[in-house]
Structure formats: structure tokens, C-alpha cells
PDB file of N, CA and C in Angstrom:
ATOM      1  N   UNK A   1       0.839  -1.188   0.000  1.00  0.00           N
ATOM      2  CA  UNK A   1       0.000   0.000   0.000  1.00  0.00           C
ATOM      3  C   UNK A   1       0.878   1.243   0.000  1.00  0.00           C
ATOM      4  N   UNK A   2       0.304   2.388  -0.170  1.00  0.00           N
ATOM      5  CA  UNK A   2       1.031   3.641  -0.248  1.00  0.00           C
ATOM      6  C   UNK A   2       1.623   3.981   1.117  1.00  0.00           C
ATOM      7  N   UNK A   3       2.892   4.413   1.102  1.00  0.00           N
ATOM      8  CA  UNK A   3       3.589   4.781   2.327  1.00  0.00           C
ATOM      9  C   UNK A   3       2.955   6.045   2.903  1.00  0.00           C
ATOM     10  N   UNK A   4       2.585   6.030   4.164  1.00  0.00           N
ATOM     11  CA  UNK A   4       1.883   7.137   4.799  1.00  0.00           C
ATOM     12  C   UNK A   4       2.810   8.037   5.617  1.00  0.00           C
ATOM     13  N   UNK A   5       4.146   7.907   5.446  1.00  0.00           N
ATOM     14  CA  UNK A   5       5.077   8.738   6.197  1.00  0.00           C
ATOM     15  C   UNK A   5       4.925  10.199   5.801  1.00  0.00           C
ATOM     16  N   UNK A   6       5.130  11.082   6.765  1.00  0.00           N
ATOM     17  CA  UNK A   6       5.041  12.518   6.523  1.00  0.00           C
ATOM     18  C   UNK A   6       6.433  13.108   6.659  1.00  0.00           C
ATOM     19  N   UNK A   7       6.790  13.945   5.713  1.00  0.00           N
ATOM     20  CA  UNK A   7       8.074  14.617   5.746  1.00  0.00           C
ATOM     21  C   UNK A   7       7.857  16.112   5.591  1.00  0.00           C
ATOM     22  N   UNK A   8       8.712  16.889   6.228  1.00  0.00           N
ATOM     23  CA  UNK A   8       8.636  18.340   6.117  1.00  0.00           C
ATOM     24  C   UNK A   8       9.901  18.903   5.474  1.00  0.00           C
ATOM     25  N   UNK A   9      10.604  18.053   4.725  1.00  0.00           N
ATOM     26  CA  UNK A   9      11.844  18.439   4.073  1.00  0.00           C
ATOM     27  C   UNK A   9      11.549  18.989   2.678  1.00  0.00           C
ATOM     28  N   UNK A  10      11.968  20.231   2.404  1.00  0.00           N
ATOM     29  CA  UNK A  10      11.705  20.847   1.098  1.00  0.00           C
ATOM     30  C   UNK A  10      12.413  20.104  -0.029  1.00  0.00           C
ATOM     31  N   UNK A  11      13.490  19.380   0.267  1.00  0.00           N
ATOM     32  CA  UNK A  11      14.193  18.626  -0.770  1.00  0.00           C
ATOM     33  C   UNK A  11      13.316  17.515  -1.339  1.00  0.00           C
ATOM     34  N   UNK A  12      12.357  17.056  -0.578  1.00  0.00           N
ATOM     35  CA  UNK A  12      11.463  16.005  -1.052  1.00  0.00           C
ATOM     36  C   UNK A  12      10.295  16.569  -1.854  1.00  0.00           C
ATOM     37  N   UNK A  13      10.246  17.885  -2.024  1.00  0.00           N
ATOM     38  CA  UNK A  13       9.182  18.512  -2.784  1.00  0.00           C
ATOM     39  C   UNK A  13       9.595  18.851  -4.212  1.00  0.00           C
ATOM     40  N   UNK A  14      10.834  18.590  -4.580  1.00  0.00           N
ATOM     41  CA  UNK A  14      11.264  18.866  -5.943  1.00  0.00           C
ATOM     42  C   UNK A  14      10.618  17.871  -6.895  1.00  0.00           C
ATOM     43  N   UNK A  15      10.513  18.253  -8.162  1.00  0.00           N
ATOM     44  CA  UNK A  15       9.916  17.366  -9.151  1.00  0.00           C
ATOM     45  C   UNK A  15      10.757  16.099  -9.311  1.00  0.00           C
ATOM     46  N   UNK A  16      12.075  16.220  -9.168  1.00  0.00           N
ATOM     47  CA  UNK A  16      12.948  15.055  -9.276  1.00  0.00           C
ATOM     48  C   UNK A  16      12.705  14.073  -8.142  1.00  0.00           C
ATOM     49  N   UNK A  17      12.527  14.599  -6.923  1.00  0.00           N
ATOM     50  CA  UNK A  17      12.267  13.742  -5.763  1.00  0.00           C
ATOM     51  C   UNK A  17      10.921  13.046  -5.909  1.00  0.00           C
ATOM     52  N   UNK A  18       9.937  13.769  -6.421  1.00  0.00           N
ATOM     53  CA  UNK A  18       8.618  13.171  -6.619  1.00  0.00           C
ATOM     54  C   UNK A  18       8.678  12.098  -7.703  1.00  0.00           C
ATOM     55  N   UNK A  19       9.462  12.340  -8.753  1.00  0.00           N
ATOM     56  CA  UNK A  19       9.610  11.338  -9.812  1.00  0.00           C
ATOM     57  C   UNK A  19      10.291  10.081  -9.272  1.00  0.00           C
ATOM     58  N   UNK A  20      11.330  10.259  -8.458  1.00  0.00           N
ATOM     59  CA  UNK A  20      12.008   9.095  -7.854  1.00  0.00           C
ATOM     60  C   UNK A  20      11.041   8.316  -6.974  1.00  0.00           C
ATOM     61  N   UNK A  21      10.225   9.025  -6.189  1.00  0.00           N
ATOM     62  CA  UNK A  21       9.250   8.361  -5.322  1.00  0.00           C
ATOM     63  C   UNK A  21       8.267   7.556  -6.161  1.00  0.00           C
ATOM     64  N   UNK A  22       7.746   8.176  -7.218  1.00  0.00           N
ATOM     65  CA  UNK A  22       6.758   7.499  -8.051  1.00  0.00           C
ATOM     66  C   UNK A  22       7.367   6.294  -8.751  1.00  0.00           C
ATOM     67  N   UNK A  23       8.584   6.426  -9.253  1.00  0.00           N
ATOM     68  CA  UNK A  23       9.250   5.320  -9.947  1.00  0.00           C
ATOM     69  C   UNK A  23       9.572   4.170  -9.001  1.00  0.00           C
ATOM     70  N   UNK A  24       9.695   4.464  -7.707  1.00  0.00           N
ATOM     71  CA  UNK A  24       9.995   3.418  -6.731  1.00  0.00           C
ATOM     72  C   UNK A  24       8.760   2.596  -6.374  1.00  0.00           C
ATOM     73  N   UNK A  25       7.585   3.076  -6.730  1.00  0.00           N
ATOM     74  CA  UNK A  25       6.356   2.336  -6.420  1.00  0.00           C
ATOM     75  C   UNK A  25       6.223   1.120  -7.325  1.00  0.00           C
ATOM     76  N   UNK A  26       5.672   0.043  -6.801  1.00  0.00           N
ATOM     77  CA  UNK A  26       5.348  -1.104  -7.662  1.00  0.00           C
ATOM     78  C   UNK A  26       4.270  -0.712  -8.670  1.00  0.00           C
ATOM     79  N   UNK A  27       4.211  -1.432  -9.769  1.00  0.00           N
ATOM     80  CA  UNK A  27       3.254  -1.119 -10.825  1.00  0.00           C
ATOM     81  C   UNK A  27       1.817  -1.084 -10.297  1.00  0.00           C
ATOM     82  N   UNK A  28       1.469  -1.998  -9.418  1.00  0.00           N
ATOM     83  CA  UNK A  28       0.106  -2.040  -8.875  1.00  0.00           C
ATOM     84  C   UNK A  28      -0.237  -0.740  -8.137  1.00  0.00           C
ATOM     85  N   UNK A  29       0.712  -0.192  -7.398  1.00  0.00           N
ATOM     86  CA  UNK A  29       0.465   1.056  -6.674  1.00  0.00           C
ATOM     87  C   UNK A  29       0.399   2.237  -7.628  1.00  0.00           C
ATOM     88  N   UNK A  30       1.206   2.213  -8.694  1.00  0.00           N
ATOM     89  CA  UNK A  30       1.121   3.279  -9.696  1.00  0.00           C
ATOM     90  C   UNK A  30      -0.255   3.279 -10.349  1.00  0.00           C
ATOM     91  N   UNK A  31      -0.745   2.104 -10.676  1.00  0.00           N
ATOM     92  CA  UNK A  31      -2.061   2.003 -11.297  1.00  0.00           C
ATOM     93  C   UNK A  31      -3.160   2.431 -10.332  1.00  0.00           C
ATOM     94  N   UNK A  32      -3.002   2.097  -9.053  1.00  0.00           N
ATOM     95  CA  UNK A  32      -3.975   2.527  -8.047  1.00  0.00           C
ATOM     96  C   UNK A  32      -4.023   4.055  -7.970  1.00  0.00           C
ATOM     97  N   UNK A  33      -2.842   4.697  -8.006  1.00  0.00           N
ATOM     98  CA  UNK A  33      -2.803   6.157  -7.997  1.00  0.00           C
ATOM     99  C   UNK A  33      -3.448   6.730  -9.244  1.00  0.00           C
ATOM    100  N   UNK A  34      -3.214   6.111 -10.391  1.00  0.00           N
ATOM    101  CA  UNK A  34      -3.846   6.571 -11.626  1.00  0.00           C
ATOM    102  C   UNK A  34      -5.367   6.537 -11.488  1.00  0.00           C
ATOM    103  N   UNK A  35      -5.879   5.452 -10.948  1.00  0.00           N
ATOM    104  CA  UNK A  35      -7.332   5.336 -10.748  1.00  0.00           C
ATOM    105  C   UNK A  35      -7.839   6.371  -9.747  1.00  0.00           C
ATOM    106  N   UNK A  36      -7.088   6.607  -8.674  1.00  0.00           N
ATOM    107  CA  UNK A  36      -7.496   7.607  -7.684  1.00  0.00           C
ATOM    108  C   UNK A  36      -7.520   9.002  -8.288  1.00  0.00           C
ATOM    109  N   UNK A  37      -6.481   9.345  -9.072  1.00  0.00           N
ATOM    110  CA  UNK A  37      -6.439  10.660  -9.709  1.00  0.00           C
ATOM    111  C   UNK A  37      -7.563  10.805 -10.725  1.00  0.00           C
ATOM    112  N   UNK A  38      -7.827   9.747 -11.480  1.00  0.00           N
ATOM    113  CA  UNK A  38      -8.908   9.785 -12.459  1.00  0.00           C
ATOM    114  C   UNK A  38     -10.251   9.990 -11.769  1.00  0.00           C
ATOM    115  N   UNK A  39     -10.482   9.260 -10.690  1.00  0.00           N
ATOM    116  CA  UNK A  39     -11.730   9.429  -9.930  1.00  0.00           C
ATOM    117  C   UNK A  39     -11.846  10.847  -9.380  1.00  0.00           C
ATOM    118  N   UNK A  40     -10.742  11.404  -8.891  1.00  0.00           N
ATOM    119  CA  UNK A  40     -10.746  12.768  -8.372  1.00  0.00           C
ATOM    120  C   UNK A  40     -11.111  13.764  -9.468  1.00  0.00           C
ATOM    121  N   UNK A  41     -10.476  13.636 -10.625  1.00  0.00           N
ATOM    122  CA  UNK A  41     -10.764  14.546 -11.739  1.00  0.00           C
ATOM    123  C   UNK A  41     -12.222  14.444 -12.157  1.00  0.00           C
ATOM    124  N   UNK A  42     -12.730  13.224 -12.257  1.00  0.00           N
ATOM    125  CA  UNK A  42     -14.123  13.044 -12.671  1.00  0.00           C
ATOM    126  C   UNK A  42     -15.109  13.532 -11.616  1.00  0.00           C
ATOM    127  N   UNK A  43     -14.718  13.489 -10.351  1.00  0.00           N
ATOM    128  CA  UNK A  43     -15.572  14.013  -9.284  1.00  0.00           C
ATOM    129  C   UNK A  43     -15.644  15.532  -9.357  1.00  0.00           C
ATOM    130  N   UNK A  44     -14.500  16.157  -9.591  1.00  0.00           N
ATOM    131  CA  UNK A  44     -14.447  17.614  -9.660  1.00  0.00           C
ATOM    132  C   UNK A  44     -15.108  18.128 -10.932  1.00  0.00           C
ATOM    133  N   UNK A  45     -14.885  17.433 -12.052  1.00  0.00           N
ATOM    134  CA  UNK A  45     -15.429  17.877 -13.338  1.00  0.00           C
ATOM    135  C   UNK A  45     -15.915  16.670 -14.133  1.00  0.00           C
ATOM    136  N   UNK A  46     -17.139  16.209 -13.891  1.00  0.00           N
ATOM    137  CA  UNK A  46     -17.638  15.014 -14.576  1.00  0.00           C
ATOM    138  C   UNK A  46     -17.778  15.197 -16.090  1.00  0.00           C
ATOM    139  N   UNK A  47     -17.819  16.422 -16.560  1.00  0.00           N
ATOM    140  CA  UNK A  47     -17.990  16.677 -17.991  1.00  0.00           C
ATOM    141  C   UNK A  47     -16.665  16.747 -18.741  1.00  0.00           C
ATOM    142  N   UNK A  48     -15.555  16.466 -18.051  1.00  0.00           N
ATOM    143  CA  UNK A  48     -14.251  16.567 -18.689  1.00  0.00           C
ATOM    144  C   UNK A  48     -14.106  15.592 -19.861  1.00  0.00           C
ATOM    145  N   UNK A  49     -14.794  14.470 -19.798  1.00  0.00           N
ATOM    146  CA  UNK A  49     -14.695  13.490 -20.889  1.00  0.00           C
ATOM    147  C   UNK A  49     -15.404  13.978 -22.146  1.00  0.00           C
ATOM    148  N   UNK A  50     -16.237  14.989 -22.024  1.00  0.00           N
ATOM    149  CA  UNK A  50     -16.946  15.529 -23.174  1.00  0.00           C
ATOM    150  C   UNK A  50     -16.126  16.580 -23.928  1.00  0.00           C
ATOM    151  N   UNK A  51     -14.994  16.963 -23.379  1.00  0.00           N
ATOM    152  CA  UNK A  51     -14.166  18.003 -23.988  1.00  0.00           C
ATOM    153  C   UNK A  51     -13.232  17.367 -25.010  1.00  0.00           C
ATOM    154  N   UNK A  52     -13.706  17.258 -26.260  1.00  0.00           N
ATOM    155  CA  UNK A  52     -12.941  16.570 -27.294  1.00  0.00           C
ATOM    156  C   UNK A  52     -12.155  17.512 -28.181  1.00  0.00           C
ATOM    157  N   UNK A  53     -12.403  18.795 -28.115  1.00  0.00           N
ATOM    158  CA  UNK A  53     -11.731  19.750 -28.986  1.00  0.00           C
ATOM    159  C   UNK A  53     -10.707  20.571 -28.210  1.00  0.00           C
ATOM    160  N   UNK A  54      -9.785  19.889 -27.558  1.00  0.00           N
ATOM    161  CA  UNK A  54      -8.757  20.574 -26.774  1.00  0.00           C
ATOM    162  C   UNK A  54      -7.839  21.358 -27.707  1.00  0.00           C
ATOM    163  N   UNK A  55      -7.411  22.509 -27.259  1.00  0.00           N
ATOM    164  CA  UNK A  55      -6.513  23.363 -28.024  1.00  0.00           C
ATOM    165  C   UNK A  55      -5.177  23.449 -27.299  1.00  0.00           C
ATOM    166  N   UNK A  56      -4.061  23.495 -28.038  1.00  0.00           N
ATOM    167  CA  UNK A  56      -2.753  23.607 -27.388  1.00  0.00           C
ATOM    168  C   UNK A  56      -2.603  24.944 -26.663  1.00  0.00           C
ATOM    169  N   UNK A  57      -1.891  24.928 -25.560  1.00  0.00           N
ATOM    170  CA  UNK A  57      -1.602  26.126 -24.787  1.00  0.00           C
ATOM    171  C   UNK A  57      -0.150  26.511 -24.996  1.00  0.00           C
ATOM    172  N   UNK A  58       0.141  27.773 -24.858  1.00  0.00           N
ATOM    173  CA  UNK A  58       1.537  28.213 -24.931  1.00  0.00           C
ATOM    174  C   UNK A  58       2.284  27.701 -23.703  1.00  0.00           C
ATOM    175  N   UNK A  59       3.509  27.277 -23.902  1.00  0.00           N
ATOM    176  CA  UNK A  59       4.303  26.796 -22.779  1.00  0.00           C
ATOM    177  C   UNK A  59       4.634  25.335 -22.919  1.00  0.00           C
ATOM    178  N   UNK A  60       4.686  24.625 -21.801  1.00  0.00           N
ATOM    179  CA  UNK A  60       5.140  23.251 -21.796  1.00  0.00           C
ATOM    180  C   UNK A  60       4.039  22.236 -22.037  1.00  0.00           C
ATOM    181  N   UNK A  61       2.800  22.638 -22.056  1.00  0.00           N
ATOM    182  CA  UNK A  61       1.704  21.697 -22.237  1.00  0.00           C
ATOM    183  C   UNK A  61       1.493  21.488 -23.729  1.00  0.00           C
ATOM    184  N   UNK A  62       1.385  20.221 -24.167  1.00  0.00           N
ATOM    185  CA  UNK A  62       1.185  19.924 -25.563  1.00  0.00           C
ATOM    186  C   UNK A  62       0.042  18.939 -25.704  1.00  0.00           C
ATOM    187  N   UNK A  63      -0.875  19.217 -26.617  1.00  0.00           N
ATOM    188  CA  UNK A  63      -1.988  18.320 -26.904  1.00  0.00           C
ATOM    189  C   UNK A  63      -1.585  17.420 -28.061  1.00  0.00           C
ATOM    190  N   UNK A  64      -1.638  16.108 -27.860  1.00  0.00           N
ATOM    191  CA  UNK A  64      -1.259  15.152 -28.890  1.00  0.00           C
ATOM    192  C   UNK A  64      -2.502  14.592 -29.542  1.00  0.00           C
ATOM    193  N   UNK A  65      -2.442  14.431 -30.843  1.00  0.00           N
ATOM    194  CA  UNK A  65      -3.535  13.820 -31.584  1.00  0.00           C
ATOM    195  C   UNK A  65      -2.978  12.691 -32.429  1.00  0.00           C
ATOM    196  N   UNK A  66      -3.781  11.645 -32.666  1.00  0.00           N
ATOM    197  CA  UNK A  66      -3.293  10.533 -33.489  1.00  0.00           C
ATOM    198  C   UNK A  66      -3.087  10.993 -34.936  1.00  0.00           C
ATOM    199  N   UNK A  67      -2.074  10.443 -35.564  1.00  0.00           N
ATOM    200  CA  UNK A  67      -1.764  10.826 -36.954  1.00  0.00           C
ATOM    201  C   UNK A  67      -2.700  10.165 -37.932  1.00  0.00           C
TER     202      UNK A  67
END
């Protein structure tokens, strides 16, 4: 199951530290988190699945479409 330890170290808040933490999880726990995040998104915005005409934003976000 997901480790419930609490840390107050700012070094553990970097994107690299979070990536290392996520990569250290077993596949089953990664998939569980994916399902939890998906459920959260759908709870907050149930109509998000209806948004099929996404437009690219300036910056680092990129919308991919099948060729």
C-alpha cells in the first residue's frame, strides 16, 4: 500500500524527488494512484470526458492527436 510517512523536508518537494518516489512504487500502486487521480478529476469535473476539442496552450503543455 502507499507509504503514509510525513516529511517536512523541502528537498522532497522537488519534481525530481517526486519522480524518484513514483518510480519506486510497484506497478500495482502506480495504477492505483492513476485510478485515484482519475476518480478525483471526474468528481471535480464530470464533464471533462466531453471536452474533445482541446486546443494547445503556450508553454510546456502539448496536446497530442493521433496521426
